[in-house]
Amino acid sequence: MKRSKVSLPKTLEGFATKRGISTRLLLLFLALFIVAVTLAPSTQRYFAQRAQVSALRADLDSNYKELEEARAELQRWRDPDYVKSEARNRLHFVLPGERQYIILGAKPTIDSDNQGATPINQDFPLGIPWYSRVILSITSVGVGASAP
């Protein structure tokens, strides 16, 4: 049985003979090019969707982590001792039979860790209106700070 010769248009045969490429090889390259052009959008969509799925999984993992932290916080708030301690610390609640002492005029200690920060003026008078205290705080910014 004889093979039938595949005939190409004259321009492709001329191109193939000038380049030293066989007709079958040229047809193979043409078929591979058509397949690649056909599959390119699908593969691009596939990889984009894979990236989207992995981003959603990461988001889901972080949401589960936040959920677990919220559940742990809820468990802490269900403990009456924790509620009592938070009420004492945050709201200054006092249990019956106890006395609460609030010390006025005590100057808080300033951390020496903030050496590069501007010092905070602790000498604001308490008996003046708030707007006067704001003006005093603005005018006293940087007073006593050493030059860099």
C-alpha atoms as a PDB file:
ATOM      1  CA  MET A   1       0.000   0.000   0.000  1.00  0.00           C
ATOM      2  CA  LYS A   2       1.395   3.329  -1.003  1.00  0.00           C
ATOM      3  CA  ARG A   3       1.110   6.383   1.137  1.00  0.00           C
ATOM      4  CA  SER A   4      -0.596   9.333  -0.323  1.00  0.00           C
ATOM      5  CA  LYS A   5       1.423  12.455  -0.253  1.00  0.00           C
ATOM      6  CA  VAL A   6       0.040  15.292   1.823  1.00  0.00           C
ATOM      7  CA  SER A   7      -0.186  18.361  -0.285  1.00  0.00           C
ATOM      8  CA  LEU A   8       0.095  21.803   1.198  1.00  0.00           C
ATOM      9  CA  PRO A   9      -0.611  25.086  -0.437  1.00  0.00           C
ATOM     10  CA  LYS A  10       2.259  26.208  -2.621  1.00  0.00           C
ATOM     11  CA  THR A  11       3.278  28.977  -0.175  1.00  0.00           C
ATOM     12  CA  LEU A  12       3.741  26.544   2.713  1.00  0.00           C
ATOM     13  CA  GLU A  13       5.605  24.044   0.542  1.00  0.00           C
ATOM     14  CA  GLY A  14       7.861  26.821  -0.673  1.00  0.00           C
ATOM     15  CA  PHE A  15       8.471  27.950   2.924  1.00  0.00           C
ATOM     16  CA  ALA A  16       9.222  24.409   4.037  1.00  0.00           C
ATOM     17  CA  THR A  17      11.657  23.709   1.220  1.00  0.00           C
ATOM     18  CA  LYS A  18      13.477  27.007   1.682  1.00  0.00           C
ATOM     19  CA  ARG A  19      13.986  26.315   5.409  1.00  0.00           C
ATOM     20  CA  GLY A  20      14.926  22.687   4.973  1.00  0.00           C
ATOM     21  CA  ILE A  21      11.926  21.441   6.960  1.00  0.00           C
ATOM     22  CA  SER A  22       9.841  18.481   5.864  1.00  0.00           C
ATOM     23  CA  THR A  23       6.160  18.935   5.177  1.00  0.00           C
ATOM     24  CA  ARG A  24       5.167  16.548   7.964  1.00  0.00           C
ATOM     25  CA  LEU A  25       7.237  18.447  10.508  1.00  0.00           C
ATOM     26  CA  LEU A  26       5.652  21.692   9.411  1.00  0.00           C
ATOM     27  CA  LEU A  27       2.176  20.170   9.806  1.00  0.00           C
ATOM     28  CA  LEU A  28       3.131  18.864  13.255  1.00  0.00           C
ATOM     29  CA  PHE A  29       4.279  22.321  14.358  1.00  0.00           C
ATOM     30  CA  LEU A  30       1.105  23.855  12.934  1.00  0.00           C
ATOM     31  CA  ALA A  31      -1.076  21.332  14.809  1.00  0.00           C
ATOM     32  CA  LEU A  32       0.833  21.928  18.072  1.00  0.00           C
ATOM     33  CA  PHE A  33       0.461  25.670  17.643  1.00  0.00           C
ATOM     34  CA  ILE A  34      -3.306  25.349  17.147  1.00  0.00           C
ATOM     35  CA  VAL A  35      -3.596  23.117  20.224  1.00  0.00           C
ATOM     36  CA  ALA A  36      -1.541  25.560  22.307  1.00  0.00           C
ATOM     37  CA  VAL A  37      -3.640  28.529  21.185  1.00  0.00           C
ATOM     38  CA  THR A  38      -6.815  26.594  21.935  1.00  0.00           C
ATOM     39  CA  LEU A  39      -5.698  25.490  25.425  1.00  0.00           C
ATOM     40  CA  ALA A  40      -4.003  28.710  26.552  1.00  0.00           C
ATOM     41  CA  PRO A  41      -7.144  30.520  27.854  1.00  0.00           C
ATOM     42  CA  SER A  42      -8.333  27.393  29.661  1.00  0.00           C
ATOM     43  CA  THR A  43      -5.017  26.846  31.402  1.00  0.00           C
ATOM     44  CA  GLN A  44      -4.803  30.522  32.319  1.00  0.00           C
ATOM     45  CA  ARG A  45      -8.276  30.328  33.902  1.00  0.00           C
ATOM     46  CA  TYR A  46      -7.307  27.104  35.679  1.00  0.00           C
ATOM     47  CA  PHE A  47      -4.257  28.655  37.321  1.00  0.00           C
ATOM     48  CA  ALA A  48      -6.189  31.817  38.225  1.00  0.00           C
ATOM     49  CA  GLN A  49      -8.892  29.731  39.882  1.00  0.00           C
ATOM     50  CA  ARG A  50      -6.283  27.665  41.744  1.00  0.00           C
ATOM     51  CA  ALA A  51      -4.769  30.869  43.103  1.00  0.00           C
ATOM     52  CA  GLN A  52      -8.223  32.076  44.128  1.00  0.00           C
ATOM     53  CA  VAL A  53      -8.971  28.770  45.875  1.00  0.00           C
ATOM     54  CA  SER A  54      -5.699  28.894  47.816  1.00  0.00           C
ATOM     55  CA  ALA A  55      -6.390  32.510  48.848  1.00  0.00           C
ATOM     56  CA  LEU A  56      -9.865  31.535  50.045  1.00  0.00           C
ATOM     57  CA  ARG A  57      -8.426  28.605  51.999  1.00  0.00           C
ATOM     58  CA  ALA A  58      -5.942  30.908  53.712  1.00  0.00           C
ATOM     59  CA  ASP A  59      -8.769  33.315  54.531  1.00  0.00           C
ATOM     60  CA  LEU A  60     -10.841  30.447  55.887  1.00  0.00           C
ATOM     61  CA  ASP A  61      -7.946  29.279  58.072  1.00  0.00           C
ATOM     62  CA  SER A  62      -7.508  32.764  59.521  1.00  0.00           C
ATOM     63  CA  ASN A  63     -11.262  32.978  60.172  1.00  0.00           C
ATOM     64  CA  TYR A  64     -11.153  29.647  62.019  1.00  0.00           C
ATOM     65  CA  LYS A  65      -8.271  30.949  64.107  1.00  0.00           C
ATOM     66  CA  GLU A  66     -10.223  34.103  64.989  1.00  0.00           C
ATOM     67  CA  LEU A  67     -13.252  31.945  65.834  1.00  0.00           C
ATOM     68  CA  GLU A  68     -11.191  29.854  68.226  1.00  0.00           C
ATOM     69  CA  GLU A  69      -9.819  33.002  69.880  1.00  0.00           C
ATOM     70  CA  ALA A  70     -13.376  34.355  70.266  1.00  0.00           C
ATOM     71  CA  ARG A  71     -14.516  31.063  71.798  1.00  0.00           C
ATOM     72  CA  ALA A  72     -11.614  31.178  74.260  1.00  0.00           C
ATOM     73  CA  GLU A  73     -12.543  34.773  75.149  1.00  0.00           C
ATOM     74  CA  LEU A  74     -16.161  33.698  75.659  1.00  0.00           C
ATOM     75  CA  GLN A  75     -15.030  30.877  77.955  1.00  0.00           C
ATOM     76  CA  ARG A  76     -13.005  33.366  80.000  1.00  0.00           C
ATOM     77  CA  TRP A  77     -16.015  35.654  80.346  1.00  0.00           C
ATOM     78  CA  ARG A  78     -18.156  32.738  81.563  1.00  0.00           C
ATOM     79  CA  ASP A  79     -15.852  32.384  84.577  1.00  0.00           C
ATOM     80  CA  PRO A  80     -17.210  34.522  87.477  1.00  0.00           C
ATOM     81  CA  ASP A  81     -13.727  35.136  88.896  1.00  0.00           C
ATOM     82  CA  TYR A  82     -12.532  36.551  85.573  1.00  0.00           C
ATOM     83  CA  VAL A  83     -15.589  38.827  85.395  1.00  0.00           C
ATOM     84  CA  LYS A  84     -14.899  40.077  88.920  1.00  0.00           C
ATOM     85  CA  SER A  85     -11.262  40.800  88.185  1.00  0.00           C
ATOM     86  CA  GLU A  86     -12.106  42.631  84.945  1.00  0.00           C
ATOM     87  CA  ALA A  87     -14.793  44.675  86.715  1.00  0.00           C
ATOM     88  CA  ARG A  88     -12.257  45.662  89.364  1.00  0.00           C
ATOM     89  CA  ASN A  89      -9.551  46.569  86.851  1.00  0.00           C
ATOM     90  CA  ARG A  90     -11.624  48.280  84.185  1.00  0.00           C
ATOM     91  CA  LEU A  91     -14.565  49.750  86.088  1.00  0.00           C
ATOM     92  CA  HIS A  92     -13.050  50.110  89.580  1.00  0.00           C
ATOM     93  CA  PHE A  93     -15.806  48.021  91.158  1.00  0.00           C
ATOM     94  CA  VAL A  94     -15.542  47.171  94.844  1.00  0.00           C
ATOM     95  CA  LEU A  95     -17.047  44.126  96.503  1.00  0.00           C
ATOM     96  CA  PRO A  96     -19.322  44.633  99.516  1.00  0.00           C
ATOM     97  CA  GLY A  97     -17.318  45.161 102.672  1.00  0.00           C
ATOM     98  CA  GLU A  98     -14.234  46.451 100.862  1.00  0.00           C
ATOM     99  CA  ARG A  99     -12.993  50.015 100.702  1.00  0.00           C
ATOM    100  CA  GLN A 100     -11.565  51.622  97.644  1.00  0.00           C
ATOM    101  CA  TYR A 101      -8.897  54.263  97.918  1.00  0.00           C
ATOM    102  CA  ILE A 102      -8.133  56.614  95.048  1.00  0.00           C
ATOM    103  CA  ILE A 103      -4.940  58.590  95.478  1.00  0.00           C
ATOM    104  CA  LEU A 104      -5.086  62.039  93.934  1.00  0.00           C
ATOM    105  CA  GLY A 105      -2.056  64.055  92.977  1.00  0.00           C
ATOM    106  CA  ALA A 106       0.315  61.125  92.681  1.00  0.00           C
ATOM    107  CA  LYS A 107       2.629  61.488  89.725  1.00  0.00           C
ATOM    108  CA  PRO A 108       2.900  58.336  87.646  1.00  0.00           C
ATOM    109  CA  THR A 109       6.352  57.059  86.900  1.00  0.00           C
ATOM    110  CA  ILE A 110       7.643  57.603  83.378  1.00  0.00           C
ATOM    111  CA  ASP A 111       9.213  54.654  81.584  1.00  0.00           C
ATOM    112  CA  SER A 112      12.861  55.101  80.726  1.00  0.00           C
ATOM    113  CA  ASP A 113      12.358  52.780  77.723  1.00  0.00           C
ATOM    114  CA  ASN A 114      11.042  55.642  75.578  1.00  0.00           C
ATOM    115  CA  GLN A 115      14.266  57.618  75.475  1.00  0.00           C
ATOM    116  CA  GLY A 116      13.774  58.782  71.879  1.00  0.00           C
ATOM    117  CA  ALA A 117      10.213  59.991  72.487  1.00  0.00           C
ATOM    118  CA  THR A 118       9.300  63.521  73.445  1.00  0.00           C
ATOM    119  CA  PRO A 119       8.782  63.788  77.195  1.00  0.00           C
ATOM    120  CA  ILE A 120       5.214  64.206  78.392  1.00  0.00           C
ATOM    121  CA  ASN A 121       4.459  67.236  80.508  1.00  0.00           C
ATOM    122  CA  GLN A 122       2.986  65.990  83.789  1.00  0.00           C
ATOM    123  CA  ASP A 123       2.450  69.441  85.355  1.00  0.00           C
ATOM    124  CA  PHE A 124      -0.998  70.339  83.985  1.00  0.00           C
ATOM    125  CA  PRO A 125      -3.260  71.915  86.592  1.00  0.00           C
ATOM    126  CA  LEU A 126      -6.464  69.950  87.206  1.00  0.00           C
ATOM    127  CA  GLY A 127      -8.774  72.804  88.190  1.00  0.00           C
ATOM    128  CA  ILE A 128      -8.941  74.576  84.827  1.00  0.00           C
ATOM    129  CA  PRO A 129     -11.332  73.930  81.889  1.00  0.00           C
ATOM    130  CA  TRP A 130     -10.437  71.299  79.319  1.00  0.00           C
ATOM    131  CA  TYR A 131      -9.818  73.764  76.500  1.00  0.00           C
ATOM    132  CA  SER A 132      -7.228  75.576  78.608  1.00  0.00           C
ATOM    133  CA  ARG A 133      -5.502  72.255  79.259  1.00  0.00           C
ATOM    134  CA  VAL A 134      -5.448  71.565  75.496  1.00  0.00           C
ATOM    135  CA  ILE A 135      -3.887  74.969  74.813  1.00  0.00           C
ATOM    136  CA  LEU A 136      -1.318  74.387  77.567  1.00  0.00           C
ATOM    137  CA  SER A 137      -0.454  70.976  76.138  1.00  0.00           C
ATOM    138  CA  ILE A 138       0.044  72.454  72.660  1.00  0.00           C
ATOM    139  CA  THR A 139       2.218  75.311  73.879  1.00  0.00           C
ATOM    140  CA  SER A 140       4.346  73.088  76.111  1.00  0.00           C
ATOM    141  CA  VAL A 141       5.245  70.519  73.437  1.00  0.00           C
ATOM    142  CA  GLY A 142       8.990  70.052  73.280  1.00  0.00           C
ATOM    143  CA  VAL A 143       9.740  72.288  76.266  1.00  0.00           C
ATOM    144  CA  GLY A 144      12.726  70.832  78.055  1.00  0.00           C
ATOM    145  CA  ALA A 145      13.524  68.367  75.246  1.00  0.00           C
ATOM    146  CA  SER A 146      17.154  68.160  74.252  1.00  0.00           C
ATOM    147  CA  ALA A 147      18.096  69.125  70.711  1.00  0.00           C
ATOM    148  CA  PRO A 148      18.996  66.174  68.448  1.00  0.00           C
END
